Structure formats: C-alpha cells, structure tokens
Amino acid sequence: MSPNDAQNSHQNPASPSNQSPLSSAQAADLQQRAIAVAHHAYAPYSRFRVGAAVLLSDGTIVIGCNVENASYRLTVCAEQAAIAAAVSLHGPQIRIRAIAVATLNDTASQPCGACRQTIHEFSTPETIIFFPGEKGAIAQVTIAALLPAAFQLTTEN
C-alpha cells in the first residue's frame, strides 16, 4: 500500500468505525504479540515489563514495549512506544482499530491516563482496548468508555 493509499484509507478520528468486530483469533493474536514484546521491555527499576500490540485500521500490527529511565518521569509506556512506532512507520493519519496491553507480572493493569489520551488521539470511539484484568482475565473496553472526557482540540487545516 502506498503512503497515499494509507492516508486515504484512514478515517477521521471523530468518525465512527465501519470495521467489523475483532474475532477471538485476532484478539488472541494481538494479546500474544503484546506478551512477546513485553519480554523486550527495559524495566530495571520497577521490573514491571509491559508490551503493547496495536492493530491499525488497515490491518497492520505494530508493537512496542515500555522503556524506563532513572528519572522515572521520562519513562515511555508500551502503548505510547507502539503508537509512536506506528506513526513513524505509517504517518500521522493512522487510526487504531484495537490495542492489546500485556504485563509479565500477573497484575491487573489498565492503561495509564497519558496512554489513554495518546490512544484516543489516533482512535475512533469504537477502538477496543484489551488489558490485564483481575485474576488473569483479559478485560476489554472501548476508548470512549475508558476515557469518556478526553481532552480534544479542534484544528483548522
């Protein structure tokens, strides 16, 4: 797909998605990719290794992991790393269809506030987020439900 085709195939972030729901196989694949990349995390301080797999609206999957820093505030979350990689590879017009987040410590863990806002920036209200829930379950929620009062700016082109 050329950059122009990719640009034209993405939807406006405010428009509803016309894509069908994810199959259980697609969701499982995203989760497995998130777990695999979590093994690459750089987490010497917290030892909390996180991976994320982002399914773009064009079917591409991009992964990322958390990268800590001795100055904790400079740590990059897995979700933000994956989204930054997707933008670097495919341009700022990407749209996220779904994102799976995994940790390696069996702890329930929703995306942090900064990650929720970053996910929202490249999503439609129907974008699905999978994350570790209670007792090892995988929780599923839309970005609209996870961040109902997202910060938004209107820009003029």
Protein backbone atom coordinates (compact mmCIF):
# COMPACT_ATOMS: atom_id res chain seq x y z
CA MET A 1 0.00 0.00 0.00
CA SER A 2 1.43 3.39 -0.92
CA PRO A 3 1.53 6.28 1.60
CA ASN A 4 -1.29 7.98 -0.33
CA ASP A 5 -3.43 4.84 -0.23
CA ALA A 6 -2.80 4.51 3.50
CA GLN A 7 -3.67 8.15 4.04
CA ASN A 8 -6.92 7.84 2.14
CA SER A 9 -7.93 4.58 3.84
CA HIS A 10 -7.91 6.04 7.33
CA GLN A 11 -10.92 7.65 8.86
CA ASN A 12 -11.31 10.92 10.63
CA PRO A 13 -10.64 10.30 14.34
CA ALA A 14 -14.10 11.59 15.22
CA SER A 15 -15.95 9.42 12.71
CA PRO A 16 -17.36 6.02 13.69
CA SER A 17 -15.56 2.90 12.55
CA ASN A 18 -17.14 0.81 9.80
CA GLN A 19 -14.99 -2.21 10.63
CA SER A 20 -16.40 -5.46 11.90
CA PRO A 21 -15.65 -6.50 15.48
CA LEU A 22 -12.44 -8.38 16.11
CA SER A 23 -12.60 -12.15 16.00
CA SER A 24 -11.42 -14.08 19.03
CA ALA A 25 -8.44 -15.26 16.94
CA GLN A 26 -7.47 -11.66 16.12
CA ALA A 27 -7.78 -10.65 19.77
CA ALA A 28 -5.68 -13.64 20.87
CA ASP A 29 -3.03 -12.84 18.25
CA LEU A 30 -2.80 -9.24 19.46
CA GLN A 31 -2.50 -10.42 23.06
CA GLN A 32 0.25 -12.91 22.18
CA ARG A 33 2.21 -10.21 20.34
CA ALA A 34 1.87 -7.90 23.35
CA ILE A 35 3.16 -10.62 25.68
CA ALA A 36 6.08 -11.42 23.35
CA VAL A 37 7.22 -7.80 23.08
CA ALA A 38 6.89 -7.30 26.86
CA HIS A 39 9.91 -9.60 27.15
CA HIS A 40 11.92 -6.85 25.40
CA ALA A 41 10.93 -4.15 27.90
CA TYR A 42 13.66 -2.16 29.61
CA ALA A 43 12.41 -2.07 33.20
CA PRO A 44 15.41 -2.30 35.55
CA TYR A 45 13.82 -0.02 38.17
CA SER A 46 10.23 -1.20 38.51
CA ARG A 47 10.69 -4.64 36.93
CA PHE A 48 7.18 -4.02 35.55
CA ARG A 49 7.52 -5.14 31.94
CA VAL A 50 4.71 -4.14 29.60
CA GLY A 51 4.08 -4.83 25.91
CA ALA A 52 1.52 -3.43 23.52
CA ALA A 53 0.32 -4.54 20.10
CA VAL A 54 -1.63 -2.03 18.02
CA LEU A 55 -3.94 -3.15 15.21
CA LEU A 56 -4.32 -0.32 12.72
CA SER A 57 -7.42 0.17 10.61
CA ASP A 58 -5.51 -1.05 7.53
CA GLY A 59 -4.74 -4.40 9.24
CA THR A 60 -1.12 -3.62 10.11
CA ILE A 61 0.06 -4.59 13.60
CA VAL A 62 2.77 -2.54 15.32
CA ILE A 63 4.31 -3.44 18.67
CA GLY A 64 6.08 -1.56 21.45
CA CYS A 65 7.33 -2.07 25.00
CA ASN A 66 7.99 0.16 27.98
CA VAL A 67 11.42 1.77 28.29
CA GLU A 68 12.22 3.06 31.76
CA ASN A 69 14.63 5.79 32.73
CA ALA A 70 16.43 6.52 36.00
CA SER A 71 14.39 9.72 36.03
CA TYR A 72 11.04 7.93 36.29
CA ARG A 73 9.12 10.73 34.66
CA LEU A 74 11.00 10.14 31.38
CA THR A 75 9.80 6.53 31.13
CA VAL A 76 8.00 5.63 27.89
CA CYS A 77 4.95 3.39 28.24
CA ALA A 78 4.45 0.42 25.93
CA GLU A 79 1.26 1.85 24.43
CA GLN A 80 2.98 5.13 23.59
CA ALA A 81 6.02 3.32 22.18
CA ALA A 82 3.81 1.23 19.87
CA ILE A 83 1.79 4.24 18.74
CA ALA A 84 4.94 6.30 18.11
CA ALA A 85 6.34 3.41 16.05
CA ALA A 86 3.09 3.21 14.05
CA VAL A 87 3.19 6.95 13.32
CA SER A 88 6.89 6.71 12.40
CA LEU A 89 6.21 3.84 10.00
CA HIS A 90 2.85 4.87 8.53
CA GLY A 91 2.38 8.59 9.16
CA PRO A 92 0.17 10.69 11.41
CA GLN A 93 -3.06 9.66 9.69
CA ILE A 94 -3.07 6.20 11.33
CA ARG A 95 -6.19 5.02 13.08
CA ILE A 96 -6.15 2.37 15.79
CA ARG A 97 -8.75 -0.37 15.48
CA ALA A 98 -7.63 -2.22 18.63
CA ILE A 99 -4.75 -2.34 21.08
CA ALA A 100 -3.72 -5.15 23.40
CA VAL A 101 -1.64 -4.48 26.50
CA ALA A 102 0.12 -7.22 28.45
CA THR A 103 2.28 -7.36 31.57
CA LEU A 104 4.57 -10.14 32.71
CA ASN A 105 3.72 -9.99 36.41
CA ASP A 106 0.08 -11.18 36.51
CA THR A 107 -1.15 -7.84 37.81
CA ALA A 108 -4.36 -6.17 36.68
CA SER A 109 -3.28 -3.05 34.85
CA GLN A 110 -5.28 -0.59 32.77
CA PRO A 111 -3.51 1.91 30.52
CA CYS A 112 -2.41 4.99 32.46
CA GLY A 113 -4.05 8.37 31.87
CA ALA A 114 -1.34 9.57 29.49
CA CYS A 115 -1.66 6.38 27.44
CA ARG A 116 -5.45 6.69 27.34
CA GLN A 117 -5.11 10.18 25.91
CA THR A 118 -2.47 9.02 23.38
CA ILE A 119 -4.66 6.09 22.29
CA HIS A 120 -7.62 8.46 21.96
CA GLU A 121 -5.63 10.78 19.67
CA PHE A 122 -5.45 8.06 17.00
CA SER A 123 -8.74 6.23 17.62
CA THR A 124 -12.41 6.21 16.88
CA PRO A 125 -14.85 5.89 19.80
CA GLU A 126 -15.16 2.15 18.98
CA THR A 127 -11.42 1.41 19.26
CA ILE A 128 -11.07 -1.64 21.52
CA ILE A 129 -8.51 -1.83 24.30
CA PHE A 130 -7.58 -5.20 25.83
CA PHE A 131 -5.66 -5.15 29.10
CA PRO A 132 -4.86 -7.40 32.07
CA GLY A 133 -7.88 -7.62 34.37
CA GLU A 134 -8.47 -9.23 37.73
CA LYS A 135 -7.44 -12.86 38.36
CA GLY A 136 -5.67 -13.21 34.99
CA ALA A 137 -8.70 -12.31 32.90
CA ILE A 138 -8.31 -10.11 29.84
CA ALA A 139 -10.52 -7.04 30.15
CA GLN A 140 -11.97 -5.36 27.05
CA VAL A 141 -13.33 -1.82 26.75
CA THR A 142 -13.70 0.86 24.09
CA ILE A 143 -11.64 4.02 24.29
CA ALA A 144 -14.88 6.00 24.65
CA ALA A 145 -15.68 4.07 27.83
CA LEU A 146 -12.09 4.13 29.13
CA LEU A 147 -11.67 7.88 28.60
CA PRO A 148 -15.15 9.44 28.44
CA ALA A 149 -13.92 13.02 28.92
CA ALA A 150 -10.90 13.02 26.61
CA PHE A 151 -9.08 16.27 26.03
CA GLN A 152 -9.72 17.42 22.44
CA LEU A 153 -8.58 20.38 20.38
CA THR A 154 -10.12 21.33 17.08
CA THR A 155 -7.61 22.17 14.40
CA GLU A 156 -8.13 24.02 11.16
CA ASN A 157 -6.45 22.51 8.09
